[in-house]
Amino acid sequence: MKTVMTRESLVDRHLGFVQALREAGLPVSLAEGLDAAGALTVIDLADRNTLREAYAATLVKRPSYRPGFDMLFDLWFPPVISDGTGADPDADPDRDTGERRDRAADLEHAEIPELRDRLADLLMDDPDDPAFREFARAMVERFGRVQAAAGRQSWFSFAVIRALSPETLTARLLGRMLTERGGLPEKIARQRISRNIARFQEEVATDVRRRIAEESGIEKIARSTVKPPIDRIDFLRVTKAELAQLRREVYPLARRLATRLTIRNRLGRRGRLDFRRTVRASLSTGGVPLTTRLRPKRPHKPELVVLCDASDSVSTFSHFTLLLTFALREQFTKVRAFAFVDTVDEITKMFAPGTDVIDAISRMAQEADITRFGRTNYGNVFERFAERYADAVGPKTSLLILGDARSNYQAPALDTLKRIAGRARHAYWLNPEPRAQWDTGDSVATGYGSVVPMYECRNVAQLAEFIETLK
């Protein structure tokens, strides 16, 4: 792709792109932005793929950030400004323009069965072929503009997918692939077909976003279509599909949390005096015990007690914390888990080894005695916990409370919480609400935070930051 930009326009576009990444939740520091700008001085700016990889190498820290990065890159550095022909800017510049326009005209007037046949041929081939992208853009041009409201039209990918129905081609493509490529396992053939169909759908979506950006502005479409990476999504807004992705993030965090708590326990108290070794060492100094010897502290894994708010207002957060509890069970000698709304019940048995964590969460909602009137009451929860489960917290226990500290204007029972936390070796409170919302309405965040250190924990990234503070 040949692109001509003045230095000023390139700088503005670079700054806008970096700011868009930050707004989408991708962590980009000032130094990394400068590194990316430096990389632009040593590459061929006319090569779009090289430009993409230069930015990715300097700005993308984790594989999970790459989808959002690619989406924003396509918006800020589009492959072409649409001219209605579906022409591919990445194709050979010597390619015959007249032939390409004739093909675009054919696609514009072809019947749906012909277009589906053409799509089937493309799905059998390499999706990196420029003709693949050219076809997707031509289909957006033909089917993508839809009446969005009275007197207003916009671009939609669903209209293209509905017109061509690529998923219904799977059986035909599978038969062709198995016939033409004898010996290819059916499972691999199905996977290849599914990947190519997904690639076509993404090419359509990319071109739709580009066209909307041309008409409405890059910033507007970027804010509405680019999702933050999984570790930056607020627990209170996470979907069921995203919870499944979060399961992969939980186990490394559980191991790190267990390691941090174990280190704190190991360094928290010194070993007892070893009198015999101290006397023996004093012989070299005339019987004066200048150097004391201590017995090595016995290593042990700490015990963990988790108190988790399971009310509807923080239901998705409680699902994630229960996933974390399930993972921590393998890292600690003893884990006891308790859920509550306006009363509290132990749910440890529901997370027995071999149990599917999602099934355990469903079982908890049905069987656990955690609600009477349906309104969160932290004060009553702490009173009932102290009455029924006083033995759960001891000198080896790390207490972890997970909830938004909103008690519906009920008595907070701070003295009771102080007694419970006082028996534990360590106590921490993770709150999924933004700090700016603490102490608003019925929140008792500062009151509870004066008893148990409270940390804002709205997403996986903040949970990781909390774990790093345990030194």
Protein backbone atom coordinates (compact mmCIF):
# COMPACT_ATOMS: atom_id res chain seq x y z
CA MET A 1 0.00 0.00 0.00
CA LYS A 2 1.36 3.41 -0.95
CA THR A 3 0.47 6.13 1.53
CA VAL A 4 1.54 9.77 1.41
CA MET A 5 1.30 11.69 4.68
CA THR A 6 2.99 14.83 5.90
CA ARG A 7 5.06 14.64 9.06
CA GLU A 8 2.43 16.62 10.96
CA SER A 9 -0.42 14.32 9.92
CA LEU A 10 1.61 11.23 10.84
CA VAL A 11 2.40 12.64 14.29
CA ASP A 12 -1.27 13.48 14.88
CA ARG A 13 -2.35 10.03 13.78
CA HIS A 14 0.29 8.38 15.99
CA LEU A 15 -0.84 10.37 19.04
CA GLY A 16 -4.49 9.64 18.33
CA PHE A 17 -3.79 5.92 17.93
CA VAL A 18 -1.84 5.69 21.20
CA GLN A 19 -4.57 7.59 23.05
CA ALA A 20 -7.23 5.28 21.58
CA LEU A 21 -5.29 2.25 22.86
CA ARG A 22 -5.25 3.73 26.35
CA GLU A 23 -8.97 4.52 26.25
CA ALA A 24 -9.65 0.92 25.20
CA GLY A 25 -7.86 -0.34 28.33
CA LEU A 26 -4.51 -1.31 26.82
CA PRO A 27 -1.70 -0.12 29.11
CA VAL A 28 0.61 2.08 27.02
CA SER A 29 3.16 4.18 28.89
CA LEU A 30 4.74 7.40 27.68
CA ALA A 31 8.05 5.60 27.15
CA GLU A 32 6.39 2.92 25.03
CA GLY A 33 4.69 5.57 22.93
CA LEU A 34 8.09 7.16 22.31
CA ASP A 35 9.57 3.75 21.43
CA ALA A 36 6.82 3.27 18.85
CA ALA A 37 7.49 6.72 17.40
CA GLY A 38 11.18 5.86 17.17
CA ALA A 39 10.38 2.62 15.37
CA LEU A 40 8.50 4.57 12.69
CA THR A 41 11.74 6.31 11.70
CA VAL A 42 13.47 3.07 10.68
CA ILE A 43 10.72 1.23 8.77
CA ASP A 44 9.05 1.61 5.40
CA LEU A 45 5.85 3.48 6.25
CA ALA A 46 4.34 2.46 2.91
CA ASP A 47 4.37 -1.20 4.02
CA ARG A 48 1.24 -1.52 6.15
CA ASN A 49 2.10 -4.95 7.56
CA THR A 50 5.51 -3.72 8.69
CA LEU A 51 3.88 -0.67 10.27
CA ARG A 52 1.42 -2.91 12.15
CA GLU A 53 4.15 -5.18 13.50
CA ALA A 54 6.35 -2.25 14.51
CA TYR A 55 3.53 -0.85 16.60
CA ALA A 56 2.67 -4.29 18.02
CA ALA A 57 6.28 -4.97 19.03
CA THR A 58 6.49 -1.74 21.00
CA LEU A 59 2.96 -1.38 22.43
CA VAL A 60 1.40 -4.84 22.93
CA LYS A 61 2.44 -6.55 26.17
CA ARG A 62 0.20 -9.63 26.22
CA PRO A 63 -1.40 -11.84 23.55
CA SER A 64 -4.85 -11.01 24.95
CA TYR A 65 -4.28 -7.35 24.01
CA ARG A 66 -3.69 -8.15 20.34
CA PRO A 67 -7.33 -8.35 19.10
CA GLY A 68 -8.15 -4.88 20.42
CA PHE A 69 -4.88 -3.54 19.06
CA ASP A 70 -5.56 -4.94 15.59
CA MET A 71 -9.06 -3.51 15.55
CA LEU A 72 -7.83 -0.03 16.45
CA PHE A 73 -4.93 -0.25 14.00
CA ASP A 74 -7.35 -1.01 11.17
CA LEU A 75 -9.34 2.07 12.13
CA TRP A 76 -6.45 4.48 12.47
CA PHE A 77 -4.41 3.08 9.57
CA PRO A 78 -7.06 1.78 7.13
CA PRO A 79 -5.94 -0.21 4.08
CA VAL A 80 -7.92 1.91 1.66
CA ILE A 81 -10.41 4.74 1.39
CA SER A 82 -13.51 3.12 -0.07
CA ASP A 83 -14.17 3.97 -3.71
CA GLY A 84 -17.07 1.57 -4.13
CA THR A 85 -15.15 -0.89 -6.30
CA GLY A 86 -14.00 -3.25 -3.61
CA ALA A 87 -10.45 -2.77 -4.84
CA ASP A 88 -7.71 -4.27 -2.72
CA PRO A 89 -4.98 -1.77 -1.80
CA ASP A 90 -2.53 -4.50 -0.83
CA ALA A 91 -2.66 -6.10 -4.26
CA ASP A 92 0.06 -5.81 -6.88
CA PRO A 93 0.11 -2.17 -8.07
CA ASP A 94 0.68 -3.38 -11.63
CA ARG A 95 -2.51 -5.35 -11.61
CA ASP A 96 -4.85 -4.38 -14.42
CA THR A 97 -7.31 -1.78 -13.08
CA GLY A 98 -9.85 -2.36 -15.82
CA GLU A 99 -9.98 -6.07 -15.13
CA ARG A 100 -10.52 -5.38 -11.42
CA ARG A 101 -13.37 -2.97 -12.11
CA ASP A 102 -15.00 -5.49 -14.43
CA ARG A 103 -14.84 -8.09 -11.65
CA ALA A 104 -16.38 -5.60 -9.17
CA ALA A 105 -19.18 -4.91 -11.66
CA ASP A 106 -19.80 -8.64 -12.05
CA LEU A 107 -20.06 -9.03 -8.26
CA GLU A 108 -22.43 -6.10 -8.08
CA HIS A 109 -24.94 -7.66 -10.50
CA ALA A 110 -24.44 -11.38 -9.77
CA GLU A 111 -27.29 -13.38 -8.25
CA ILE A 112 -27.03 -14.69 -4.69
CA PRO A 113 -26.36 -18.33 -5.75
CA GLU A 114 -23.45 -17.16 -7.93
CA LEU A 115 -22.02 -15.13 -5.06
CA ARG A 116 -22.28 -18.11 -2.71
CA ASP A 117 -20.44 -20.24 -5.26
CA ARG A 118 -17.73 -17.61 -5.49
CA LEU A 119 -17.49 -17.48 -1.69
CA ALA A 120 -17.25 -21.27 -1.53
CA ASP A 121 -14.30 -21.19 -3.95
CA LEU A 122 -12.56 -18.55 -1.85
CA LEU A 123 -13.15 -20.46 1.39
CA MET A 124 -11.41 -23.47 -0.17
CA ASP A 125 -8.29 -21.39 -0.86
CA ASP A 126 -5.86 -19.37 1.22
CA PRO A 127 -7.70 -16.56 3.10
CA ASP A 128 -4.59 -14.40 2.76
CA ASP A 129 -5.22 -14.18 -0.98
CA PRO A 130 -5.99 -10.52 -1.86
CA ALA A 131 -9.06 -11.76 -3.75
CA PHE A 132 -10.50 -12.91 -0.41
CA ARG A 133 -10.42 -9.39 1.06
CA GLU A 134 -11.54 -7.87 -2.24
CA PHE A 135 -14.64 -10.09 -2.27
CA ALA A 136 -15.48 -9.24 1.36
CA ARG A 137 -15.28 -5.52 0.62
CA ALA A 138 -17.40 -5.87 -2.50
CA MET A 139 -20.05 -7.70 -0.49
CA VAL A 140 -20.06 -4.94 2.12
CA GLU A 141 -20.50 -2.41 -0.66
CA ARG A 142 -23.46 -4.35 -2.08
CA PHE A 143 -25.28 -5.60 1.05
CA GLY A 144 -23.84 -3.73 4.02
CA ARG A 145 -25.73 -0.43 3.88
CA VAL A 146 -29.00 -0.78 5.81
CA GLN A 147 -31.71 1.61 6.93
CA ALA A 148 -30.80 2.26 10.59
CA ALA A 149 -33.54 4.77 11.40
CA ALA A 150 -35.99 7.06 9.66
CA GLY A 151 -34.03 8.91 7.01
CA ARG A 152 -30.66 7.48 8.12
CA GLN A 153 -28.58 4.62 6.79
CA SER A 154 -25.47 2.97 8.13
CA TRP A 155 -23.23 -0.04 7.55
CA PHE A 156 -23.86 -3.42 9.20
CA SER A 157 -21.98 -6.70 8.90
CA PHE A 158 -25.03 -8.80 9.84
CA ALA A 159 -26.72 -7.85 6.57
CA VAL A 160 -23.78 -9.23 4.56
CA ILE A 161 -23.61 -12.46 6.58
CA ARG A 162 -27.38 -12.92 6.33
CA ALA A 163 -27.32 -12.47 2.55
CA LEU A 164 -24.53 -15.00 1.95
CA SER A 165 -25.01 -17.37 4.93
CA PRO A 166 -21.43 -18.73 4.87
CA GLU A 167 -22.10 -21.22 7.71
CA THR A 168 -24.56 -23.11 5.48
CA LEU A 169 -21.71 -23.85 3.07
CA THR A 170 -19.90 -26.07 5.58
CA ALA A 171 -21.31 -29.40 4.36
CA ARG A 172 -20.58 -28.56 0.70
CA LEU A 173 -17.04 -27.38 1.51
CA LEU A 174 -16.36 -30.42 3.67
CA GLY A 175 -17.33 -32.79 0.84
CA ARG A 176 -15.16 -30.90 -1.67
CA MET A 177 -12.19 -30.73 0.66
CA LEU A 178 -12.28 -34.42 1.53
CA THR A 179 -12.63 -35.33 -2.16
CA GLU A 180 -9.97 -33.00 -3.55
CA ARG A 181 -7.50 -33.52 -0.73
CA GLY A 182 -7.64 -37.24 -0.16
CA GLY A 183 -6.34 -38.42 3.19
CA LEU A 184 -7.14 -35.19 5.03
CA PRO A 185 -8.79 -36.05 8.38
CA GLU A 186 -12.36 -34.81 8.64
CA LYS A 187 -11.67 -33.04 11.96
CA ILE A 188 -8.86 -31.00 10.44
CA ALA A 189 -10.97 -30.20 7.39
CA ARG A 190 -13.81 -28.92 9.60
CA GLN A 191 -11.40 -26.79 11.62
CA ARG A 192 -9.93 -25.27 8.44
CA ILE A 193 -13.38 -24.48 7.06
CA SER A 194 -14.47 -22.91 10.36
CA ARG A 195 -11.32 -20.77 10.47
CA ASN A 196 -11.85 -19.55 6.90
CA ILE A 197 -15.50 -18.70 7.55
CA ALA A 198 -14.50 -16.81 10.71
CA ARG A 199 -11.83 -15.01 8.71
CA PHE A 200 -14.40 -13.93 6.11
CA GLN A 201 -16.73 -12.66 8.83
CA GLU A 202 -13.88 -10.68 10.37
CA GLU A 203 -12.93 -9.17 7.00
CA VAL A 204 -16.53 -8.06 6.58
CA ALA A 205 -16.63 -6.59 10.09
CA THR A 206 -13.32 -4.80 9.54
CA ASP A 207 -14.53 -3.17 6.33
CA VAL A 208 -17.82 -2.17 7.98
CA ARG A 209 -15.94 -0.49 10.80
CA ARG A 210 -13.71 1.30 8.30
CA ARG A 211 -16.67 2.67 6.35
CA ILE A 212 -18.44 3.84 9.52
CA ALA A 213 -15.23 5.53 10.64
CA GLU A 214 -15.05 7.37 7.31
CA GLU A 215 -18.56 8.71 7.81
CA SER A 216 -18.78 9.20 11.59
CA GLY A 217 -15.20 9.62 12.77
CA ILE A 218 -12.61 7.20 14.08
CA GLU A 219 -12.97 8.13 17.75
CA LYS A 220 -16.71 7.43 17.82
CA ILE A 221 -16.49 3.98 16.27
CA ALA A 222 -13.45 3.09 18.37
CA ARG A 223 -15.28 3.81 21.64
CA SER A 224 -18.35 1.82 20.63
CA THR A 225 -16.76 -1.28 19.10
CA VAL A 226 -13.42 -1.97 20.78
CA LYS A 227 -13.78 -4.03 23.95
CA PRO A 228 -11.15 -3.75 26.68
CA PRO A 229 -8.85 -6.76 27.13
CA ILE A 230 -10.11 -9.49 29.44
CA ASP A 231 -7.92 -8.43 32.37
CA ARG A 232 -9.33 -4.86 32.20
CA ILE A 233 -13.05 -5.71 32.11
CA ASP A 234 -14.87 -4.74 35.31
CA PHE A 235 -16.04 -7.76 37.29
CA LEU A 236 -19.44 -6.11 37.74
CA ARG A 237 -19.93 -5.95 33.95
CA VAL A 238 -18.47 -9.26 32.87
CA THR A 239 -20.63 -11.63 30.77
CA LYS A 240 -20.93 -15.39 31.08
CA ALA A 241 -18.74 -15.87 28.01
CA GLU A 242 -16.09 -13.61 29.53
CA LEU A 243 -16.27 -15.52 32.81
CA ALA A 244 -15.16 -18.60 30.89
CA GLN A 245 -12.13 -16.66 29.65
CA LEU A 246 -11.41 -15.43 33.17
CA ARG A 247 -11.06 -19.01 34.34
CA ARG A 248 -7.76 -19.14 32.45
CA GLU A 249 -6.58 -16.04 34.32
CA VAL A 250 -7.45 -17.39 37.76
CA TYR A 251 -4.95 -20.18 38.34
CA PRO A 252 -1.74 -18.16 37.81
CA LEU A 253 -3.14 -15.49 40.15
CA ALA A 254 -4.03 -18.10 42.76
CA ARG A 255 -0.48 -19.47 42.74
CA ARG A 256 0.98 -15.96 43.08
CA LEU A 257 -1.40 -15.07 45.90
CA ALA A 258 -0.57 -18.26 47.80
CA THR A 259 3.15 -17.60 47.34
CA ARG A 260 2.86 -14.03 48.61
CA LEU A 261 0.89 -15.03 51.69
CA THR A 262 3.34 -17.84 52.45
CA ILE A 263 6.29 -15.43 52.22
CA ARG A 264 4.55 -13.02 54.58
CA ASN A 265 3.98 -15.81 57.08
CA ARG A 266 7.56 -16.98 56.81
CA LEU A 267 8.94 -13.50 57.44
CA GLY A 268 6.30 -12.43 59.91
CA ARG A 269 7.82 -14.12 62.99
CA ARG A 270 11.32 -15.10 63.91
CA GLY A 271 12.18 -18.61 65.00
CA ARG A 272 12.54 -19.45 68.71
CA LEU A 273 15.91 -19.23 70.47
CA ASP A 274 18.08 -22.33 70.11
CA PHE A 275 19.78 -22.24 73.56
CA ARG A 276 22.17 -25.16 72.96
CA ARG A 277 23.57 -23.76 69.72
CA THR A 278 23.85 -20.29 71.24
CA VAL A 279 25.91 -21.58 74.20
CA ARG A 280 28.12 -23.64 71.89
CA ALA A 281 28.77 -20.57 69.72
CA SER A 282 29.72 -18.51 72.81
CA LEU A 283 32.74 -20.74 73.51
CA SER A 284 34.67 -18.91 70.78
CA THR A 285 34.08 -15.59 72.61
CA GLY A 286 35.01 -16.68 76.15
CA GLY A 287 31.52 -17.77 77.09
CA VAL A 288 29.92 -14.46 76.16
CA PRO A 289 26.88 -15.09 73.86
CA LEU A 290 27.55 -12.34 71.34
CA THR A 291 25.66 -14.16 68.61
CA THR A 292 22.29 -15.80 69.22
CA ARG A 293 21.16 -18.84 67.28
CA LEU A 294 17.51 -19.32 66.34
CA ARG A 295 15.68 -22.48 65.51
CA PRO A 296 14.51 -22.57 61.89
CA LYS A 297 10.87 -21.81 61.53
CA ARG A 298 8.78 -24.72 60.41
CA PRO A 299 7.50 -24.07 56.88
CA HIS A 300 3.79 -24.43 56.38
CA LYS A 301 1.12 -23.39 53.98
CA PRO A 302 -1.26 -20.85 55.49
CA GLU A 303 -4.95 -21.48 55.96
CA LEU A 304 -7.45 -19.37 54.06
CA VAL A 305 -10.97 -18.24 54.87
CA VAL A 306 -12.96 -16.49 52.14
CA LEU A 307 -16.11 -14.49 52.85
CA CYS A 308 -17.87 -13.75 49.57
CA ASP A 309 -20.81 -11.42 48.92
CA ALA A 310 -23.21 -13.37 46.66
CA SER A 311 -25.95 -10.73 46.32
CA ASP A 312 -27.37 -9.84 42.91
CA SER A 313 -25.60 -6.45 42.85
CA VAL A 314 -22.20 -8.17 42.72
CA SER A 315 -23.19 -11.53 41.24
CA THR A 316 -20.62 -11.57 38.46
CA PHE A 317 -17.91 -10.47 40.91
CA SER A 318 -18.88 -13.28 43.27
CA HIS A 319 -18.69 -15.76 40.40
CA PHE A 320 -15.13 -14.69 39.70
CA THR A 321 -14.12 -14.75 43.37
CA LEU A 322 -15.54 -18.24 43.71
CA LEU A 323 -13.45 -19.25 40.71
CA LEU A 324 -10.48 -17.80 42.57
CA THR A 325 -11.46 -19.66 45.75
CA PHE A 326 -11.70 -22.89 43.79
CA ALA A 327 -8.18 -22.36 42.42
CA LEU A 328 -6.76 -21.37 45.83
CA ARG A 329 -8.04 -24.63 47.30
CA GLU A 330 -5.10 -26.40 45.64
CA GLN A 331 -2.54 -23.93 47.01
CA PHE A 332 -3.42 -23.88 50.72
CA THR A 333 -3.42 -26.52 53.43
CA LYS A 334 -6.96 -25.62 54.36
CA VAL A 335 -9.52 -23.43 52.60
CA ARG A 336 -12.95 -22.65 53.98
CA ALA A 337 -15.34 -20.65 51.84
CA PHE A 338 -18.46 -18.79 53.03
CA ALA A 339 -21.10 -17.00 50.96
CA PHE A 340 -23.57 -14.43 52.24
CA VAL A 341 -26.34 -12.00 51.38
CA ASP A 342 -28.09 -11.12 54.64
CA THR A 343 -26.96 -14.28 56.41
CA VAL A 344 -23.98 -16.56 55.93
CA ASP A 345 -23.45 -20.21 55.13
CA GLU A 346 -20.38 -22.37 54.54
CA ILE A 347 -20.03 -23.57 50.93
CA THR A 348 -16.69 -25.38 51.21
CA LYS A 349 -18.24 -28.80 50.60
CA MET A 350 -19.64 -27.61 47.29
CA PHE A 351 -16.10 -27.08 45.98
CA ALA A 352 -14.81 -30.58 46.68
CA PRO A 353 -11.95 -31.95 44.52
CA GLY A 354 -13.16 -33.05 41.11
CA THR A 355 -16.21 -30.78 41.15
CA ASP A 356 -16.81 -28.53 38.17
CA VAL A 357 -16.63 -24.99 39.47
CA ILE A 358 -19.60 -23.78 37.39
CA ASP A 359 -21.75 -26.62 38.74
CA ALA A 360 -20.62 -25.71 42.25
CA ILE A 361 -21.69 -22.09 41.77
CA SER A 362 -25.12 -23.21 40.50
CA ARG A 363 -25.48 -25.57 43.44
CA MET A 364 -24.56 -22.79 45.87
CA ALA A 365 -27.32 -20.57 44.51
CA GLN A 366 -29.88 -23.35 45.01
CA GLU A 367 -28.78 -24.97 48.29
CA ALA A 368 -26.83 -22.49 50.40
CA ASP A 369 -28.65 -20.73 53.26
CA ILE A 370 -27.39 -17.24 52.46
CA THR A 371 -30.53 -15.09 52.19
CA ARG A 372 -33.67 -14.46 54.17
CA PHE A 373 -35.03 -11.10 53.07
CA GLY A 374 -32.90 -10.69 49.95
CA ARG A 375 -31.13 -7.45 50.95
CA THR A 376 -27.44 -7.40 51.83
CA ASN A 377 -26.78 -6.94 55.54
CA TYR A 378 -23.07 -7.05 56.37
CA GLY A 379 -23.64 -6.38 60.05
CA ASN A 380 -25.93 -9.38 60.47
CA VAL A 381 -23.54 -11.51 58.40
CA PHE A 382 -20.59 -10.72 60.68
CA GLU A 383 -22.69 -11.40 63.79
CA ARG A 384 -23.88 -14.76 62.46
CA PHE A 385 -20.37 -15.67 61.31
CA ALA A 386 -18.96 -14.95 64.78
CA GLU A 387 -21.70 -17.10 66.38
CA ARG A 388 -21.59 -20.08 64.02
CA TYR A 389 -18.05 -20.19 62.63
CA ALA A 390 -15.82 -18.64 65.29
CA ASP A 391 -13.41 -21.59 64.98
CA ALA A 392 -12.82 -20.91 61.27
CA VAL A 393 -10.40 -18.03 61.90
CA GLY A 394 -7.20 -18.60 63.88
CA PRO A 395 -3.56 -17.50 64.13
CA LYS A 396 -2.64 -19.33 60.92
CA THR A 397 -5.56 -17.95 58.93
CA SER A 398 -5.53 -15.40 56.13
CA LEU A 399 -9.00 -13.84 55.95
CA LEU A 400 -10.19 -12.55 52.56
CA ILE A 401 -13.48 -10.60 52.39
CA LEU A 402 -14.94 -9.95 48.95
CA GLY A 403 -17.80 -7.50 48.53
CA ASP A 404 -18.93 -3.93 47.88
CA ALA A 405 -19.45 -2.97 51.58
CA ARG A 406 -23.04 -1.80 50.89
CA SER A 407 -25.22 -2.84 53.81
CA ASN A 408 -28.59 -1.22 53.00
CA TYR A 409 -28.25 1.23 55.91
CA GLN A 410 -28.13 -1.58 58.49
CA ALA A 411 -25.87 -1.54 61.56
CA PRO A 412 -22.32 -2.36 60.32
CA ALA A 413 -21.19 -4.40 63.39
CA LEU A 414 -17.67 -2.97 63.25
CA ASP A 415 -16.74 -4.34 66.68
CA THR A 416 -17.68 -7.84 65.61
CA LEU A 417 -15.60 -7.55 62.44
CA LYS A 418 -12.70 -6.27 64.54
CA ARG A 419 -12.89 -9.38 66.76
CA ILE A 420 -12.99 -11.69 63.74
CA ALA A 421 -10.10 -9.97 61.96
CA GLY A 422 -8.11 -9.76 65.20
CA ARG A 423 -7.93 -13.54 65.42
CA ALA A 424 -6.51 -13.87 61.89
CA ARG A 425 -2.87 -13.63 60.93
CA HIS A 426 -3.76 -11.35 58.00
CA ALA A 427 -7.05 -9.87 56.77
CA TYR A 428 -7.83 -8.16 53.46
CA TRP A 429 -10.97 -6.76 51.82
CA LEU A 430 -11.37 -6.57 48.03
CA ASN A 431 -14.07 -4.15 46.84
CA PRO A 432 -15.27 -4.34 43.18
CA GLU A 433 -16.63 -0.78 43.15
CA PRO A 434 -14.59 2.22 41.95
CA ARG A 435 -12.99 4.04 44.87
CA ALA A 436 -14.89 7.21 43.90
CA GLN A 437 -18.16 5.42 44.80
CA TRP A 438 -17.03 4.34 48.26
CA ASP A 439 -19.02 5.97 51.10
CA THR A 440 -21.80 7.01 48.73
CA GLY A 441 -25.35 5.93 49.48
CA ASP A 442 -25.35 2.91 51.80
CA SER A 443 -21.62 2.17 51.40
CA VAL A 444 -19.66 1.66 54.65
CA ALA A 445 -16.32 1.29 52.85
CA THR A 446 -14.28 3.66 55.05
CA GLY A 447 -15.70 2.18 58.25
CA TYR A 448 -14.89 -1.37 57.25
CA GLY A 449 -11.60 -0.24 55.71
CA SER A 450 -10.52 1.13 59.10
CA VAL A 451 -10.79 -2.42 60.48
CA VAL A 452 -9.67 -4.51 57.50
CA PRO A 453 -7.41 -2.96 54.82
CA MET A 454 -9.64 -2.44 51.77
CA TYR A 455 -8.43 -2.50 48.16
CA GLU A 456 -10.23 -1.53 44.97
CA CYS A 457 -10.45 -4.69 42.86
CA ARG A 458 -12.54 -4.10 39.74
CA ASN A 459 -10.68 -6.35 37.30
CA VAL A 460 -7.94 -8.95 36.94
CA ALA A 461 -5.26 -6.29 36.50
CA GLN A 462 -6.13 -4.69 39.85
CA LEU A 463 -6.22 -8.12 41.50
CA ALA A 464 -2.70 -8.73 40.20
CA GLU A 465 -1.62 -5.33 41.58
CA PHE A 466 -3.09 -6.24 44.98
CA ILE A 467 -1.15 -9.50 45.01
CA GLU A 468 2.06 -7.60 44.25
CA THR A 469 1.53 -5.42 47.33
CA LEU A 470 1.75 -8.49 49.58
CA LYS A 471 5.50 -8.37 50.18
